[in-house]
C-alpha atoms as a PDB file:
ATOM      1  CA  MET A   1     111.059  88.740  85.520  1.00  0.00           C
ATOM      2  CA  PRO A   2     110.746  92.530  85.110  1.00  0.00           C
ATOM      3  CA  THR A   3     112.227  94.211  82.059  1.00  0.00           C
ATOM      4  CA  PRO A   4     114.574  97.212  82.444  1.00  0.00           C
ATOM      5  CA  SER A   5     111.721  99.589  81.605  1.00  0.00           C
ATOM      6  CA  GLN A   6     109.630  98.110  84.435  1.00  0.00           C
ATOM      7  CA  LEU A   7     112.254  98.673  87.132  1.00  0.00           C
ATOM      8  CA  ASP A   8     112.199 101.663  89.469  1.00  0.00           C
ATOM      9  CA  TRP A   9     115.313 103.625  88.555  1.00  0.00           C
ATOM     10  CA  ALA A  10     114.609 106.559  90.900  1.00  0.00           C
ATOM     11  CA  ASP A  11     117.234 105.534  93.471  1.00  0.00           C
ATOM     12  CA  CYS A  12     119.992 104.623  91.004  1.00  0.00           C
ATOM     13  CA  PRO A  13     122.565 107.460  91.083  1.00  0.00           C
ATOM     14  CA  ALA A  14     123.839 106.712  87.579  1.00  0.00           C
ATOM     15  CA  VAL A  15     120.606 107.661  85.813  1.00  0.00           C
ATOM     16  CA  GLU A  16     118.133 110.511  85.539  1.00  0.00           C
ATOM     17  CA  GLN A  17     114.773 111.206  83.983  1.00  0.00           C
ATOM     18  CA  ASP A  18     113.527 114.438  82.479  1.00  0.00           C
ATOM     19  CA  PRO A  19     110.159 114.559  80.696  1.00  0.00           C
ATOM     20  CA  GLN A  20     111.658 117.076  78.260  1.00  0.00           C
ATOM     21  CA  ARG A  21     114.501 114.770  77.156  1.00  0.00           C
ATOM     22  CA  VAL A  22     114.266 111.500  75.225  1.00  0.00           C
ATOM     23  CA  SER A  23     110.495 111.351  75.790  1.00  0.00           C
ATOM     24  CA  GLY A  24     111.007 111.018  79.533  1.00  0.00           C
ATOM     25  CA  ALA A  25     113.011 107.788  79.292  1.00  0.00           C
ATOM     26  CA  TRP A  26     115.542 106.999  82.000  1.00  0.00           C
ATOM     27  CA  VAL A  27     118.957 107.986  80.652  1.00  0.00           C
ATOM     28  CA  PHE A  28     122.509 107.806  81.905  1.00  0.00           C
ATOM     29  CA  ARG A  29     123.109 110.920  84.013  1.00  0.00           C
ATOM     30  CA  GLY A  30     124.517 113.780  81.950  1.00  0.00           C
ATOM     31  CA  THR A  31     123.679 112.124  78.623  1.00  0.00           C
ATOM     32  CA  ARG A  32     120.764 111.448  76.299  1.00  0.00           C
ATOM     33  CA  ILE A  33     121.573 107.724  76.181  1.00  0.00           C
ATOM     34  CA  PRO A  34     118.659 105.587  77.390  1.00  0.00           C
ATOM     35  CA  VAL A  35     119.322 102.953  80.033  1.00  0.00           C
ATOM     36  CA  ALA A  36     117.512 100.499  77.757  1.00  0.00           C
ATOM     37  CA  ALA A  37     120.358 100.880  75.230  1.00  0.00           C
ATOM     38  CA  LEU A  38     122.707  99.121  77.655  1.00  0.00           C
ATOM     39  CA  PHE A  39     120.454  96.089  77.973  1.00  0.00           C
ATOM     40  CA  GLN A  40     119.735  95.958  74.239  1.00  0.00           C
ATOM     41  CA  ASN A  41     123.441  96.030  73.438  1.00  0.00           C
ATOM     42  CA  LEU A  42     124.289  93.394  76.047  1.00  0.00           C
ATOM     43  CA  GLU A  43     121.570  91.152  74.599  1.00  0.00           C
ATOM     44  CA  ASP A  44     123.187  91.642  71.173  1.00  0.00           C
ATOM     45  CA  GLY A  45     126.536  90.430  72.525  1.00  0.00           C
ATOM     46  CA  VAL A  46     128.256  93.775  73.069  1.00  0.00           C
ATOM     47  CA  SER A  47     130.547  93.757  76.121  1.00  0.00           C
ATOM     48  CA  LEU A  48     130.350  96.405  78.831  1.00  0.00           C
ATOM     49  CA  LEU A  49     133.656  97.914  77.701  1.00  0.00           C
ATOM     50  CA  GLU A  50     132.485  98.011  74.093  1.00  0.00           C
ATOM     51  CA  PHE A  51     129.272  99.722  75.208  1.00  0.00           C
ATOM     52  CA  VAL A  52     131.097 102.607  76.878  1.00  0.00           C
ATOM     53  CA  GLU A  53     133.273 102.980  73.770  1.00  0.00           C
ATOM     54  CA  ILE A  54     130.212 103.054  71.489  1.00  0.00           C
ATOM     55  CA  PHE A  55     128.371 105.547  73.708  1.00  0.00           C
ATOM     56  CA  PRO A  56     130.724 108.366  74.716  1.00  0.00           C
ATOM     57  CA  GLY A  57     129.589 110.067  77.875  1.00  0.00           C
ATOM     58  CA  VAL A  58     128.629 106.849  79.637  1.00  0.00           C
ATOM     59  CA  THR A  59     131.297 105.690  82.058  1.00  0.00           C
ATOM     60  CA  THR A  60     132.103 102.133  83.030  1.00  0.00           C
ATOM     61  CA  GLU A  61     131.104 103.019  86.589  1.00  0.00           C
ATOM     62  CA  GLN A  62     127.683 104.265  85.473  1.00  0.00           C
ATOM     63  CA  ALA A  63     127.083 101.094  83.456  1.00  0.00           C
ATOM     64  CA  ARG A  64     128.103  98.913  86.416  1.00  0.00           C
ATOM     65  CA  LEU A  65     125.825 100.846  88.769  1.00  0.00           C
ATOM     66  CA  VAL A  66     122.915 100.331  86.373  1.00  0.00           C
ATOM     67  CA  LEU A  67     123.596  96.592  86.154  1.00  0.00           C
ATOM     68  CA  GLU A  68     123.941  96.303  89.939  1.00  0.00           C
ATOM     69  CA  HIS A  69     120.708  98.220  90.459  1.00  0.00           C
ATOM     70  CA  ALA A  70     118.904  95.983  87.958  1.00  0.00           C
ATOM     71  CA  ALA A  71     120.257  92.853  89.649  1.00  0.00           C
ATOM     72  CA  ARG A  72     119.156  94.042  93.116  1.00  0.00           C
ATOM     73  CA  SER A  73     115.738  95.131  91.843  1.00  0.00           C
ATOM     74  CA  THR A  74     115.201  91.854  90.023  1.00  0.00           C
ATOM     75  CA  ALA A  75     116.232  89.832  93.085  1.00  0.00           C
ATOM     76  CA  VAL A  76     113.738  91.765  95.218  1.00  0.00           C
ATOM     77  CA  ALA A  77     110.994  91.320  92.624  1.00  0.00           C
ATOM     78  CA  LEU A  78     111.586  87.559  92.519  1.00  0.00           C
ATOM     79  CA  ALA A  79     111.671  87.160  96.307  1.00  0.00           C
END
C-alpha cells in the first residue's frame, strides 16, 4: 500500500506544493503544515478534530479532503 508521501497530491484542492516552502513537501493550502503531519498524528491516536485544533490554519474540510483523496488514490493503486 502506498504511503502518503508516495501519493500524487496534484489534484487534491486542499493541498499545495512550493519548492521554496517546507523543502517542497505537500502542505495544507495556505499553511506550512505538511500533509504527512495529518497521517502521523492519526497514527498516534489523535482524532481529526484534535488535529485541526493542534494545527491552526488547517480546516476540518481540508483534512477530510486529504483523507478522501488518500482513500481514492489507495483504492486505485490496489485495483
